[in-house]
Structures are given as structure tokens and as C-alpha cells.
Amino acid sequence: MKDAPNAWLSYVLDAPGLMAKAAALASEDVVIESIAPSSTVAGAFDLVVNIAGAEIGTAARLAVTLGVEGAAELNESVFSSDNVMVTLERTIDGKAKATVTPNGTPPMFFLRVKVK
């Protein structure tokens, strides 16, 4: 899934449980469609993530592909996955859902989703 020298990308036929995309997955393909306070975890947010051109199957390893980062200030250098606790799962319509809890209790918080 990464653009790197000697990287391997394999496809399994008739495997709807995997994530399939015709071209290499890039961070520009990942869009946060919605964000709302979590209905199940206090202090957390639910993000619905769409990956353009990709089908997310029931066995897709989202944690290997997607990374959620957070920061208490809007500064590129402080965004980190260490700033959040994340649970990723597939939705019934082929998207990804992330329940994200910021570490600590910052007065404001910024989130982003990237391709690892």
C-alpha cells in the first residue's frame, strides 16, 4: 500500500473481505465525511471516513492502512498518533469509522486521517 522501492502489492481474487483499489492508496484519497461526539464513549468523537476509489471489505486491516492523528493546536509539527486513542472499524456501507479519544482534556482539538 506504500509507494516505496521493492514494495509488494498483491490482489486476491474473490476476496470481498479485503480492501481493493486499482491504484496505490494515497492520503489525498481519504476524506472525513462526518465528525460528531461519540454516542458510546464519553469525551470521544466518531469520524466516518471515505476512501475514494476503494472498497473496504469486512476483513480489511484498517489499522495497518489508516493512521489517525491529533493535536491540541493547529500546527503541522505537533500532529501525532500518540495524542489519541483510536478504534477503527468498517461501516455497513463500505466506509471506515473511527472512534477517537484525545489524550488529556485539551480545550480544543484537531484531527486528521492519513494513509500510513
PDB file of N, CA and C in Angstrom:
ATOM      1  N   MET A   1       0.810  -1.201   0.000  1.00  0.00           N
ATOM      2  CA  MET A   1       0.000   0.000   0.000  1.00  0.00           C
ATOM      3  C   MET A   1       0.854   1.267   0.000  1.00  0.00           C
ATOM      4  N   LYS A   2       2.154   1.131   0.078  1.00  0.00           N
ATOM      5  CA  LYS A   2       3.011   2.317   0.104  1.00  0.00           C
ATOM      6  C   LYS A   2       3.794   2.433  -1.191  1.00  0.00           C
ATOM      7  N   ASP A   3       4.040   3.664  -1.597  1.00  0.00           N
ATOM      8  CA  ASP A   3       4.937   3.895  -2.731  1.00  0.00           C
ATOM      9  C   ASP A   3       6.362   3.848  -2.194  1.00  0.00           C
ATOM     10  N   ALA A   4       7.006   2.716  -2.353  1.00  0.00           N
ATOM     11  CA  ALA A   4       8.354   2.554  -1.826  1.00  0.00           C
ATOM     12  C   ALA A   4       9.109   1.567  -2.705  1.00  0.00           C
ATOM     13  N   PRO A   5      10.421   1.706  -2.772  1.00  0.00           N
ATOM     14  CA  PRO A   5      11.210   0.736  -3.548  1.00  0.00           C
ATOM     15  C   PRO A   5      11.000  -0.676  -3.014  1.00  0.00           C
ATOM     16  N   ASN A   6      10.878  -1.627  -3.912  1.00  0.00           N
ATOM     17  CA  ASN A   6      10.744  -3.039  -3.563  1.00  0.00           C
ATOM     18  C   ASN A   6       9.476  -3.369  -2.778  1.00  0.00           C
ATOM     19  N   ALA A   7       8.463  -2.499  -2.819  1.00  0.00           N
ATOM     20  CA  ALA A   7       7.195  -2.792  -2.134  1.00  0.00           C
ATOM     21  C   ALA A   7       6.382  -3.762  -2.979  1.00  0.00           C
ATOM     22  N   TRP A   8       5.664  -4.652  -2.313  1.00  0.00           N
ATOM     23  CA  TRP A   8       4.839  -5.631  -3.000  1.00  0.00           C
ATOM     24  C   TRP A   8       3.378  -5.295  -2.777  1.00  0.00           C
ATOM     25  N   LEU A   9       2.584  -5.439  -3.799  1.00  0.00           N
ATOM     26  CA  LEU A   9       1.138  -5.244  -3.682  1.00  0.00           C
ATOM     27  C   LEU A   9       0.491  -6.423  -4.376  1.00  0.00           C
ATOM     28  N   SER A  10      -0.273  -7.212  -3.631  1.00  0.00           N
ATOM     29  CA  SER A  10      -0.887  -8.398  -4.225  1.00  0.00           C
ATOM     30  C   SER A  10      -2.400  -8.314  -4.110  1.00  0.00           C
ATOM     31  N   TYR A  11      -3.092  -8.950  -5.030  1.00  0.00           N
ATOM     32  CA  TYR A  11      -4.539  -8.994  -5.041  1.00  0.00           C
ATOM     33  C   TYR A  11      -4.988 -10.436  -4.935  1.00  0.00           C
ATOM     34  N   VAL A  12      -6.063 -10.655  -4.193  1.00  0.00           N
ATOM     35  CA  VAL A  12      -6.634 -11.981  -4.069  1.00  0.00           C
ATOM     36  C   VAL A  12      -7.981 -11.960  -4.770  1.00  0.00           C
ATOM     37  N   LEU A  13      -8.188 -12.854  -5.723  1.00  0.00           N
ATOM     38  CA  LEU A  13      -9.446 -12.895  -6.445  1.00  0.00           C
ATOM     39  C   LEU A  13     -10.548 -13.434  -5.539  1.00  0.00           C
ATOM     40  N   ASP A  14     -11.752 -12.908  -5.722  1.00  0.00           N
ATOM     41  CA  ASP A  14     -12.916 -13.347  -4.950  1.00  0.00           C
ATOM     42  C   ASP A  14     -12.687 -13.238  -3.447  1.00  0.00           C
ATOM     43  N   ALA A  15     -12.100 -12.155  -3.012  1.00  0.00           N
ATOM     44  CA  ALA A  15     -11.868 -11.934  -1.584  1.00  0.00           C
ATOM     45  C   ALA A  15     -12.512 -10.615  -1.165  1.00  0.00           C
ATOM     46  N   PRO A  16     -13.846 -10.593  -1.010  1.00  0.00           N
ATOM     47  CA  PRO A  16     -14.527  -9.342  -0.695  1.00  0.00           C
ATOM     48  C   PRO A  16     -14.219  -8.811   0.696  1.00  0.00           C
ATOM     49  N   GLY A  17     -13.511  -9.587   1.511  1.00  0.00           N
ATOM     50  CA  GLY A  17     -13.189  -9.122   2.849  1.00  0.00           C
ATOM     51  C   GLY A  17     -12.011  -8.178   2.914  1.00  0.00           C
ATOM     52  N   LEU A  18     -11.276  -8.019   1.811  1.00  0.00           N
ATOM     53  CA  LEU A  18     -10.094  -7.174   1.814  1.00  0.00           C
ATOM     54  C   LEU A  18     -10.409  -5.778   1.275  1.00  0.00           C
ATOM     55  N   MET A  19      -9.442  -4.892   1.348  1.00  0.00           N
ATOM     56  CA  MET A  19      -9.587  -3.577   0.748  1.00  0.00           C
ATOM     57  C   MET A  19      -8.978  -3.625  -0.645  1.00  0.00           C
ATOM     58  N   ALA A  20      -9.757  -3.271  -1.652  1.00  0.00           N
ATOM     59  CA  ALA A  20      -9.272  -3.339  -3.028  1.00  0.00           C
ATOM     60  C   ALA A  20      -9.294  -1.963  -3.662  1.00  0.00           C
ATOM     61  N   LYS A  21      -8.220  -1.602  -4.329  1.00  0.00           N
ATOM     62  CA  LYS A  21      -8.129  -0.332  -5.041  1.00  0.00           C
ATOM     63  C   LYS A  21      -7.257  -0.555  -6.271  1.00  0.00           C
ATOM     64  N   ALA A  22      -7.688   0.005  -7.382  1.00  0.00           N
ATOM     65  CA  ALA A  22      -6.981  -0.230  -8.634  1.00  0.00           C
ATOM     66  C   ALA A  22      -5.593   0.398  -8.649  1.00  0.00           C
ATOM     67  N   ALA A  23      -5.432   1.538  -7.999  1.00  0.00           N
ATOM     68  CA  ALA A  23      -4.139   2.233  -7.961  1.00  0.00           C
ATOM     69  C   ALA A  23      -3.665   2.314  -6.513  1.00  0.00           C
ATOM     70  N   ALA A  24      -2.454   2.754  -6.333  1.00  0.00           N
ATOM     71  CA  ALA A  24      -1.914   2.876  -4.978  1.00  0.00           C
ATOM     72  C   ALA A  24      -2.744   3.860  -4.157  1.00  0.00           C
ATOM     73  N   LEU A  25      -2.958   3.525  -2.902  1.00  0.00           N
ATOM     74  CA  LEU A  25      -3.733   4.370  -1.998  1.00  0.00           C
ATOM     75  C   LEU A  25      -2.882   5.551  -1.540  1.00  0.00           C
ATOM     76  N   ALA A  26      -3.447   6.748  -1.551  1.00  0.00           N
ATOM     77  CA  ALA A  26      -2.719   7.956  -1.143  1.00  0.00           C
ATOM     78  C   ALA A  26      -3.534   8.722  -0.109  1.00  0.00           C
ATOM     79  N   SER A  27      -2.878   9.551   0.693  1.00  0.00           N
ATOM     80  CA  SER A  27      -3.577  10.321   1.720  1.00  0.00           C
ATOM     81  C   SER A  27      -4.655  11.221   1.128  1.00  0.00           C
ATOM     82  N   GLU A  28      -4.469  11.656  -0.127  1.00  0.00           N
ATOM     83  CA  GLU A  28      -5.469  12.512  -0.772  1.00  0.00           C
ATOM     84  C   GLU A  28      -6.774  11.759  -1.031  1.00  0.00           C
ATOM     85  N   ASP A  29      -6.733  10.414  -0.978  1.00  0.00           N
ATOM     86  CA  ASP A  29      -7.929   9.602  -1.209  1.00  0.00           C
ATOM     87  C   ASP A  29      -8.830   9.526   0.019  1.00  0.00           C
ATOM     88  N   VAL A  30      -8.309   9.901   1.172  1.00  0.00           N
ATOM     89  CA  VAL A  30      -9.032   9.734   2.425  1.00  0.00           C
ATOM     90  C   VAL A  30      -9.748  11.035   2.783  1.00  0.00           C
ATOM     91  N   VAL A  31     -11.074  10.931   2.959  1.00  0.00           N
ATOM     92  CA  VAL A  31     -11.882  12.103   3.272  1.00  0.00           C
ATOM     93  C   VAL A  31     -12.701  11.826   4.532  1.00  0.00           C
ATOM     94  N   ILE A  32     -12.639  12.731   5.518  1.00  0.00           N
ATOM     95  CA  ILE A  32     -13.508  12.627   6.681  1.00  0.00           C
ATOM     96  C   ILE A  32     -14.864  13.174   6.264  1.00  0.00           C
ATOM     97  N   GLU A  33     -15.858  12.281   6.177  1.00  0.00           N
ATOM     98  CA  GLU A  33     -17.193  12.689   5.739  1.00  0.00           C
ATOM     99  C   GLU A  33     -17.990  13.336   6.851  1.00  0.00           C
ATOM    100  N   SER A  34     -17.794  12.850   8.067  1.00  0.00           N
ATOM    101  CA  SER A  34     -18.538  13.440   9.183  1.00  0.00           C
ATOM    102  C   SER A  34     -17.748  13.261  10.468  1.00  0.00           C
ATOM    103  N   ILE A  35     -18.015  14.154  11.396  1.00  0.00           N
ATOM    104  CA  ILE A  35     -17.429  14.075  12.734  1.00  0.00           C
ATOM    105  C   ILE A  35     -18.499  14.517  13.718  1.00  0.00           C
ATOM    106  N   ALA A  36     -18.629  13.769  14.812  1.00  0.00           N
ATOM    107  CA  ALA A  36     -19.646  14.085  15.818  1.00  0.00           C
ATOM    108  C   ALA A  36     -19.185  13.527  17.156  1.00  0.00           C
ATOM    109  N   PRO A  37     -19.693  14.090  18.250  1.00  0.00           N
ATOM    110  CA  PRO A  37     -19.382  13.486  19.549  1.00  0.00           C
ATOM    111  C   PRO A  37     -19.846  12.032  19.563  1.00  0.00           C
ATOM    112  N   SER A  38     -19.052  11.170  20.163  1.00  0.00           N
ATOM    113  CA  SER A  38     -19.384   9.748  20.203  1.00  0.00           C
ATOM    114  C   SER A  38     -20.628   9.500  21.035  1.00  0.00           C
ATOM    115  N   SER A  39     -21.473   8.610  20.549  1.00  0.00           N
ATOM    116  CA  SER A  39     -22.679   8.251  21.295  1.00  0.00           C
ATOM    117  C   SER A  39     -22.402   7.148  22.312  1.00  0.00           C
ATOM    118  N   THR A  40     -21.201   6.559  22.270  1.00  0.00           N
ATOM    119  CA  THR A  40     -20.888   5.450  23.175  1.00  0.00           C
ATOM    120  C   THR A  40     -19.699   5.695  24.098  1.00  0.00           C
ATOM    121  N   VAL A  41     -18.809   6.622  23.744  1.00  0.00           N
ATOM    122  CA  VAL A  41     -17.600   6.859  24.547  1.00  0.00           C
ATOM    123  C   VAL A  41     -17.545   8.331  24.951  1.00  0.00           C
ATOM    124  N   ALA A  42     -17.573   8.596  26.255  1.00  0.00           N
ATOM    125  CA  ALA A  42     -17.534   9.971  26.747  1.00  0.00           C
ATOM    126  C   ALA A  42     -16.225  10.647  26.363  1.00  0.00           C
ATOM    127  N   GLY A  43     -16.301  11.870  25.867  1.00  0.00           N
ATOM    128  CA  GLY A  43     -15.121  12.643  25.504  1.00  0.00           C
ATOM    129  C   GLY A  43     -14.495  12.256  24.178  1.00  0.00           C
ATOM    130  N   ALA A  44     -15.136  11.342  23.444  1.00  0.00           N
ATOM    131  CA  ALA A  44     -14.595  10.872  22.174  1.00  0.00           C
ATOM    132  C   ALA A  44     -15.403  11.430  21.007  1.00  0.00           C
ATOM    133  N   PHE A  45     -14.850  11.249  19.804  1.00  0.00           N
ATOM    134  CA  PHE A  45     -15.515  11.671  18.574  1.00  0.00           C
ATOM    135  C   PHE A  45     -15.629  10.472  17.633  1.00  0.00           C
ATOM    136  N   ASP A  46     -16.720  10.434  16.874  1.00  0.00           N
ATOM    137  CA  ASP A  46     -16.888   9.427  15.832  1.00  0.00           C
ATOM    138  C   ASP A  46     -16.633  10.088  14.484  1.00  0.00           C
ATOM    139  N   LEU A  47     -15.691   9.542  13.724  1.00  0.00           N
ATOM    140  CA  LEU A  47     -15.402  10.015  12.379  1.00  0.00           C
ATOM    141  C   LEU A  47     -15.875   8.950  11.392  1.00  0.00           C
ATOM    142  N   VAL A  48     -16.513   9.381  10.307  1.00  0.00           N
ATOM    143  CA  VAL A  48     -16.797   8.470   9.207  1.00  0.00           C
ATOM    144  C   VAL A  48     -15.857   8.860   8.078  1.00  0.00           C
ATOM    145  N   VAL A  49     -15.093   7.876   7.604  1.00  0.00           N
ATOM    146  CA  VAL A  49     -14.041   8.114   6.625  1.00  0.00           C
ATOM    147  C   VAL A  49     -14.361   7.380   5.334  1.00  0.00           C
ATOM    148  N   ASN A  50     -14.267   8.095   4.222  1.00  0.00           N
ATOM    149  CA  ASN A  50     -14.469   7.516   2.901  1.00  0.00           C
ATOM    150  C   ASN A  50     -13.114   7.478   2.197  1.00  0.00           C
ATOM    151  N   ILE A  51     -12.836   6.380   1.526  1.00  0.00           N
ATOM    152  CA  ILE A  51     -11.594   6.257   0.769  1.00  0.00           C
ATOM    153  C   ILE A  51     -11.957   6.204  -0.700  1.00  0.00           C
ATOM    154  N   ALA A  52     -11.655   7.267  -1.425  1.00  0.00           N
ATOM    155  CA  ALA A  52     -12.052   7.384  -2.831  1.00  0.00           C
ATOM    156  C   ALA A  52     -11.503   6.241  -3.655  1.00  0.00           C
ATOM    157  N   GLY A  53     -12.374   5.595  -4.413  1.00  0.00           N
ATOM    158  CA  GLY A  53     -11.956   4.547  -5.324  1.00  0.00           C
ATOM    159  C   GLY A  53     -11.633   3.220  -4.678  1.00  0.00           C
ATOM    160  N   ALA A  54     -11.906   3.076  -3.379  1.00  0.00           N
ATOM    161  CA  ALA A  54     -11.575   1.833  -2.688  1.00  0.00           C
ATOM    162  C   ALA A  54     -12.830   1.189  -2.131  1.00  0.00           C
ATOM    163  N   GLU A  55     -12.826  -0.126  -2.107  1.00  0.00           N
ATOM    164  CA  GLU A  55     -13.872  -0.891  -1.449  1.00  0.00           C
ATOM    165  C   GLU A  55     -13.276  -1.468  -0.173  1.00  0.00           C
ATOM    166  N   ILE A  56     -13.916  -1.196   0.951  1.00  0.00           N
ATOM    167  CA  ILE A  56     -13.422  -1.706   2.225  1.00  0.00           C
ATOM    168  C   ILE A  56     -14.248  -2.933   2.586  1.00  0.00           C
ATOM    169  N   GLY A  57     -13.616  -4.078   2.628  1.00  0.00           N
ATOM    170  CA  GLY A  57     -14.300  -5.323   2.964  1.00  0.00           C
ATOM    171  C   GLY A  57     -14.330  -5.569   4.458  1.00  0.00           C
ATOM    172  N   THR A  58     -15.012  -6.618   4.857  1.00  0.00           N
ATOM    173  CA  THR A  58     -15.201  -6.910   6.273  1.00  0.00           C
ATOM    174  C   THR A  58     -13.912  -7.314   6.980  1.00  0.00           C
ATOM    175  N   ALA A  59     -12.919  -7.788   6.238  1.00  0.00           N
ATOM    176  CA  ALA A  59     -11.664  -8.219   6.854  1.00  0.00           C
ATOM    177  C   ALA A  59     -10.516  -7.245   6.584  1.00  0.00           C
ATOM    178  N   ALA A  60     -10.835  -6.059   6.101  1.00  0.00           N
ATOM    179  CA  ALA A  60      -9.783  -5.076   5.805  1.00  0.00           C
ATOM    180  C   ALA A  60      -9.040  -4.713   7.085  1.00  0.00           C
ATOM    181  N   ARG A  61      -7.733  -4.646   6.989  1.00  0.00           N
ATOM    182  CA  ARG A  61      -6.902  -4.302   8.144  1.00  0.00           C
ATOM    183  C   ARG A  61      -6.710  -2.784   8.178  1.00  0.00           C
ATOM    184  N   LEU A  62      -7.726  -2.089   8.656  1.00  0.00           N
ATOM    185  CA  LEU A  62      -7.732  -0.625   8.614  1.00  0.00           C
ATOM    186  C   LEU A  62      -6.600  -0.013   9.422  1.00  0.00           C
ATOM    187  N   ALA A  63      -6.268  -0.601  10.560  1.00  0.00           N
ATOM    188  CA  ALA A  63      -5.217  -0.034  11.409  1.00  0.00           C
ATOM    189  C   ALA A  63      -3.852  -0.095  10.743  1.00  0.00           C
ATOM    190  N   VAL A  64      -3.685  -1.009   9.787  1.00  0.00           N
ATOM    191  CA  VAL A  64      -2.423  -1.102   9.052  1.00  0.00           C
ATOM    192  C   VAL A  64      -2.372  -0.048   7.959  1.00  0.00           C
ATOM    193  N   THR A  65      -3.535   0.321   7.425  1.00  0.00           N
ATOM    194  CA  THR A  65      -3.614   1.232   6.288  1.00  0.00           C
ATOM    195  C   THR A  65      -3.801   2.682   6.691  1.00  0.00           C
ATOM    196  N   LEU A  66      -4.666   2.928   7.686  1.00  0.00           N
ATOM    197  CA  LEU A  66      -5.016   4.301   8.066  1.00  0.00           C
ATOM    198  C   LEU A  66      -4.396   4.685   9.395  1.00  0.00           C
ATOM    199  N   GLY A  67      -4.006   5.940   9.500  1.00  0.00           N
ATOM    200  CA  GLY A  67      -3.494   6.470  10.751  1.00  0.00           C
ATOM    201  C   GLY A  67      -4.281   7.703  11.143  1.00  0.00           C
ATOM    202  N   VAL A  68      -4.714   7.752  12.395  1.00  0.00           N
ATOM    203  CA  VAL A  68      -5.436   8.918  12.903  1.00  0.00           C
ATOM    204  C   VAL A  68      -4.495   9.684  13.813  1.00  0.00           C
ATOM    205  N   GLU A  69      -4.392  10.979  13.565  1.00  0.00           N
ATOM    206  CA  GLU A  69      -3.503  11.832  14.356  1.00  0.00           C
ATOM    207  C   GLU A  69      -4.298  12.986  14.945  1.00  0.00           C
ATOM    208  N   GLY A  70      -3.813  13.502  16.064  1.00  0.00           N
ATOM    209  CA  GLY A  70      -4.475  14.632  16.695  1.00  0.00           C
ATOM    210  C   GLY A  70      -3.474  15.635  17.221  1.00  0.00           C
ATOM    211  N   ALA A  71      -3.982  16.849  17.471  1.00  0.00           N
ATOM    212  CA  ALA A  71      -3.146  17.919  18.027  1.00  0.00           C
ATOM    213  C   ALA A  71      -4.041  18.910  18.755  1.00  0.00           C
ATOM    214  N   ALA A  72      -3.524  19.464  19.828  1.00  0.00           N
ATOM    215  CA  ALA A  72      -4.275  20.459  20.590  1.00  0.00           C
ATOM    216  C   ALA A  72      -4.138  21.848  19.987  1.00  0.00           C
ATOM    217  N   GLU A  73      -3.268  21.988  18.987  1.00  0.00           N
ATOM    218  CA  GLU A  73      -3.127  23.255  18.276  1.00  0.00           C
ATOM    219  C   GLU A  73      -2.948  22.967  16.792  1.00  0.00           C
ATOM    220  N   LEU A  74      -3.330  23.897  15.964  1.00  0.00           N
ATOM    221  CA  LEU A  74      -3.266  23.704  14.522  1.00  0.00           C
ATOM    222  C   LEU A  74      -1.855  24.016  14.038  1.00  0.00           C
ATOM    223  N   ASN A  75      -0.982  23.020  14.237  1.00  0.00           N
ATOM    224  CA  ASN A  75       0.430  23.158  13.911  1.00  0.00           C
ATOM    225  C   ASN A  75       0.900  21.804  13.380  1.00  0.00           C
ATOM    226  N   GLU A  76       1.369  21.769  12.155  1.00  0.00           N
ATOM    227  CA  GLU A  76       1.773  20.531  11.497  1.00  0.00           C
ATOM    228  C   GLU A  76       2.734  19.701  12.345  1.00  0.00           C
ATOM    229  N   SER A  77       3.639  20.343  13.045  1.00  0.00           N
ATOM    230  CA  SER A  77       4.691  19.619  13.767  1.00  0.00           C
ATOM    231  C   SER A  77       4.190  18.898  15.018  1.00  0.00           C
ATOM    232  N   VAL A  78       2.997  19.212  15.511  1.00  0.00           N
ATOM    233  CA  VAL A  78       2.528  18.574  16.750  1.00  0.00           C
ATOM    234  C   VAL A  78       1.470  17.495  16.521  1.00  0.00           C
ATOM    235  N   PHE A  79       1.025  17.292  15.270  1.00  0.00           N
ATOM    236  CA  PHE A  79       0.089  16.203  14.993  1.00  0.00           C
ATOM    237  C   PHE A  79       0.791  14.869  15.218  1.00  0.00           C
ATOM    238  N   SER A  80       0.139  13.963  15.961  1.00  0.00           N
ATOM    239  CA  SER A  80       0.743  12.668  16.253  1.00  0.00           C
ATOM    240  C   SER A  80      -0.337  11.656  16.616  1.00  0.00           C
ATOM    241  N   SER A  81      -0.083  10.395  16.299  1.00  0.00           N
ATOM    242  CA  SER A  81      -0.990   9.329  16.718  1.00  0.00           C
ATOM    243  C   SER A  81      -0.868   9.080  18.219  1.00  0.00           C
ATOM    244  N   ASP A  82       0.202   9.562  18.828  1.00  0.00           N
ATOM    245  CA  ASP A  82       0.372   9.418  20.277  1.00  0.00           C
ATOM    246  C   ASP A  82      -0.597  10.302  21.055  1.00  0.00           C
ATOM    247  N   ASN A  83      -1.211  11.263  20.390  1.00  0.00           N
ATOM    248  CA  ASN A  83      -2.115  12.196  21.058  1.00  0.00           C
ATOM    249  C   ASN A  83      -3.555  11.691  21.139  1.00  0.00           C
ATOM    250  N   VAL A  84      -3.835  10.505  20.588  1.00  0.00           N
ATOM    251  CA  VAL A  84      -5.204   9.998  20.534  1.00  0.00           C
ATOM    252  C   VAL A  84      -5.248   8.498  20.809  1.00  0.00           C
ATOM    253  N   MET A  85      -6.399   8.036  21.296  1.00  0.00           N
ATOM    254  CA  MET A  85      -6.717   6.612  21.358  1.00  0.00           C
ATOM    255  C   MET A  85      -7.761   6.373  20.273  1.00  0.00           C
ATOM    256  N   VAL A  86      -7.562   5.331  19.459  1.00  0.00           N
ATOM    257  CA  VAL A  86      -8.386   5.139  18.264  1.00  0.00           C
ATOM    258  C   VAL A  86      -8.905   3.705  18.181  1.00  0.00           C
ATOM    259  N   THR A  87     -10.174   3.586  17.802  1.00  0.00           N
ATOM    260  CA  THR A  87     -10.754   2.302  17.422  1.00  0.00           C
ATOM    261  C   THR A  87     -11.271   2.455  16.005  1.00  0.00           C
ATOM    262  N   LEU A  88     -10.799   1.607  15.093  1.00  0.00           N
ATOM    263  CA  LEU A  88     -11.221   1.645  13.689  1.00  0.00           C
ATOM    264  C   LEU A  88     -12.088   0.446  13.374  1.00  0.00           C
ATOM    265  N   GLU A  89     -13.144   0.674  12.610  1.00  0.00           N
ATOM    266  CA  GLU A  89     -13.988  -0.430  12.153  1.00  0.00           C
ATOM    267  C   GLU A  89     -14.604  -0.071  10.814  1.00  0.00           C
ATOM    268  N   ARG A  90     -15.123  -1.077  10.141  1.00  0.00           N
ATOM    269  CA  ARG A  90     -15.769  -0.892   8.840  1.00  0.00           C
ATOM    270  C   ARG A  90     -17.242  -0.601   9.074  1.00  0.00           C
ATOM    271  N   THR A  91     -17.817   0.293   8.286  1.00  0.00           N
ATOM    272  CA  THR A  91     -19.250   0.551   8.365  1.00  0.00           C
ATOM    273  C   THR A  91     -19.979  -0.380   7.403  1.00  0.00           C
ATOM    274  N   ILE A  92     -21.296  -0.418   7.498  1.00  0.00           N
ATOM    275  CA  ILE A  92     -22.057  -1.324   6.638  1.00  0.00           C
ATOM    276  C   ILE A  92     -22.087  -0.862   5.185  1.00  0.00           C
ATOM    277  N   ASP A  93     -21.770   0.396   4.937  1.00  0.00           N
ATOM    278  CA  ASP A  93     -21.775   0.895   3.556  1.00  0.00           C
ATOM    279  C   ASP A  93     -20.374   0.993   2.956  1.00  0.00           C
ATOM    280  N   GLY A  94     -19.416   0.246   3.501  1.00  0.00           N
ATOM    281  CA  GLY A  94     -18.086   0.153   2.902  1.00  0.00           C
ATOM    282  C   GLY A  94     -17.146   1.292   3.224  1.00  0.00           C
ATOM    283  N   LYS A  95     -17.468   2.066   4.233  1.00  0.00           N
ATOM    284  CA  LYS A  95     -16.578   3.142   4.659  1.00  0.00           C
ATOM    285  C   LYS A  95     -15.890   2.709   5.949  1.00  0.00           C
ATOM    286  N   ALA A  96     -15.087   3.577   6.522  1.00  0.00           N
ATOM    287  CA  ALA A  96     -14.436   3.282   7.790  1.00  0.00           C
ATOM    288  C   ALA A  96     -14.965   4.235   8.851  1.00  0.00           C
ATOM    289  N   LYS A  97     -15.077   3.720  10.068  1.00  0.00           N
ATOM    290  CA  LYS A  97     -15.494   4.552  11.191  1.00  0.00           C
ATOM    291  C   LYS A  97     -14.385   4.520  12.230  1.00  0.00           C
ATOM    292  N   ALA A  98     -14.026   5.670  12.730  1.00  0.00           N
ATOM    293  CA  ALA A  98     -13.017   5.761  13.782  1.00  0.00           C
ATOM    294  C   ALA A  98     -13.638   6.419  15.004  1.00  0.00           C
ATOM    295  N   THR A  99     -13.502   5.787  16.153  1.00  0.00           N
ATOM    296  CA  THR A  99     -13.857   6.427  17.416  1.00  0.00           C
ATOM    297  C   THR A  99     -12.543   6.901  18.017  1.00  0.00           C
ATOM    298  N   VAL A 100     -12.429   8.219  18.191  1.00  0.00           N
ATOM    299  CA  VAL A 100     -11.157   8.844  18.565  1.00  0.00           C
ATOM    300  C   VAL A 100     -11.314   9.591  19.880  1.00  0.00           C
ATOM    301  N   THR A 101     -10.453   9.279  20.841  1.00  0.00           N
ATOM    302  CA  THR A 101     -10.463   9.961  22.131  1.00  0.00           C
ATOM    303  C   THR A 101      -9.155  10.716  22.296  1.00  0.00           C
ATOM    304  N   PRO A 102      -9.220  12.055  22.418  1.00  0.00           N
ATOM    305  CA  PRO A 102      -7.986  12.819  22.666  1.00  0.00           C
ATOM    306  C   PRO A 102      -7.395  12.465  24.028  1.00  0.00           C
ATOM    307  N   ASN A 103      -6.079  12.415  24.122  1.00  0.00           N
ATOM    308  CA  ASN A 103      -5.418  12.213  25.403  1.00  0.00           C
ATOM    309  C   ASN A 103      -5.487  13.516  26.198  1.00  0.00           C
ATOM    310  N   GLY A 104      -5.810  13.409  27.472  1.00  0.00           N
ATOM    311  CA  GLY A 104      -5.955  14.597  28.302  1.00  0.00           C
ATOM    312  C   GLY A 104      -7.289  15.272  28.026  1.00  0.00           C
ATOM    313  N   THR A 105      -7.400  16.510  28.441  1.00  0.00           N
ATOM    314  CA  THR A 105      -8.631  17.276  28.216  1.00  0.00           C
ATOM    315  C   THR A 105      -8.295  18.643  27.620  1.00  0.00           C
ATOM    316  N   PRO A 106      -7.810  18.656  26.378  1.00  0.00           N
ATOM    317  CA  PRO A 106      -7.462  19.940  25.759  1.00  0.00           C
ATOM    318  C   PRO A 106      -8.722  20.774  25.505  1.00  0.00           C
ATOM    319  N   PRO A 107      -8.605  22.112  25.589  1.00  0.00           N
ATOM    320  CA  PRO A 107      -9.770  22.971  25.343  1.00  0.00           C
ATOM    321  C   PRO A 107     -10.237  22.936  23.889  1.00  0.00           C
ATOM    322  N   MET A 108      -9.342  22.595  22.972  1.00  0.00           N
ATOM    323  CA  MET A 108      -9.713  22.394  21.572  1.00  0.00           C
ATOM    324  C   MET A 108      -8.806  21.308  21.017  1.00  0.00           C
ATOM    325  N   PHE A 109      -9.286  20.664  19.935  1.00  0.00           N
ATOM    326  CA  PHE A 109      -8.524  19.537  19.418  1.00  0.00           C
ATOM    327  C   PHE A 109      -8.762  19.411  17.925  1.00  0.00           C
ATOM    328  N   PHE A 110      -7.705  19.059  17.178  1.00  0.00           N
ATOM    329  CA  PHE A 110      -7.768  18.902  15.733  1.00  0.00           C
ATOM    330  C   PHE A 110      -7.434  17.457  15.377  1.00  0.00           C
ATOM    331  N   LEU A 111      -8.138  16.917  14.393  1.00  0.00           N
ATOM    332  CA  LEU A 111      -7.945  15.531  13.982  1.00  0.00           C
ATOM    333  C   LEU A 111      -7.669  15.458  12.488  1.00  0.00           C
ATOM    334  N   ARG A 112      -6.901  14.435  12.073  1.00  0.00           N
ATOM    335  CA  ARG A 112      -6.735  14.160  10.652  1.00  0.00           C
ATOM    336  C   ARG A 112      -6.524  12.650  10.488  1.00  0.00           C
ATOM    337  N   VAL A 113      -6.864  12.169   9.293  1.00  0.00           N
ATOM    338  CA  VAL A 113      -6.677  10.764   8.954  1.00  0.00           C
ATOM    339  C   VAL A 113      -5.751  10.702   7.752  1.00  0.00           C
ATOM    340  N   LYS A 114      -4.740   9.843   7.835  1.00  0.00           N
ATOM    341  CA  LYS A 114      -3.740   9.741   6.772  1.00  0.00           C
ATOM    342  C   LYS A 114      -3.554   8.288   6.372  1.00  0.00           C
ATOM    343  N   VAL A 115      -2.995   8.075   5.211  1.00  0.00           N
ATOM    344  CA  VAL A 115      -2.548   6.759   4.790  1.00  0.00           C
ATOM    345  C   VAL A 115      -1.165   6.536   5.370  1.00  0.00           C
ATOM    346  N   LYS A 116      -0.960   5.394   6.001  1.00  0.00           N
ATOM    347  CA  LYS A 116       0.347   5.106   6.608  1.00  0.00           C
ATOM    348  C   LYS A 116       1.377   4.804   5.546  1.00  0.00           C
TER     349      LYS A 116
END
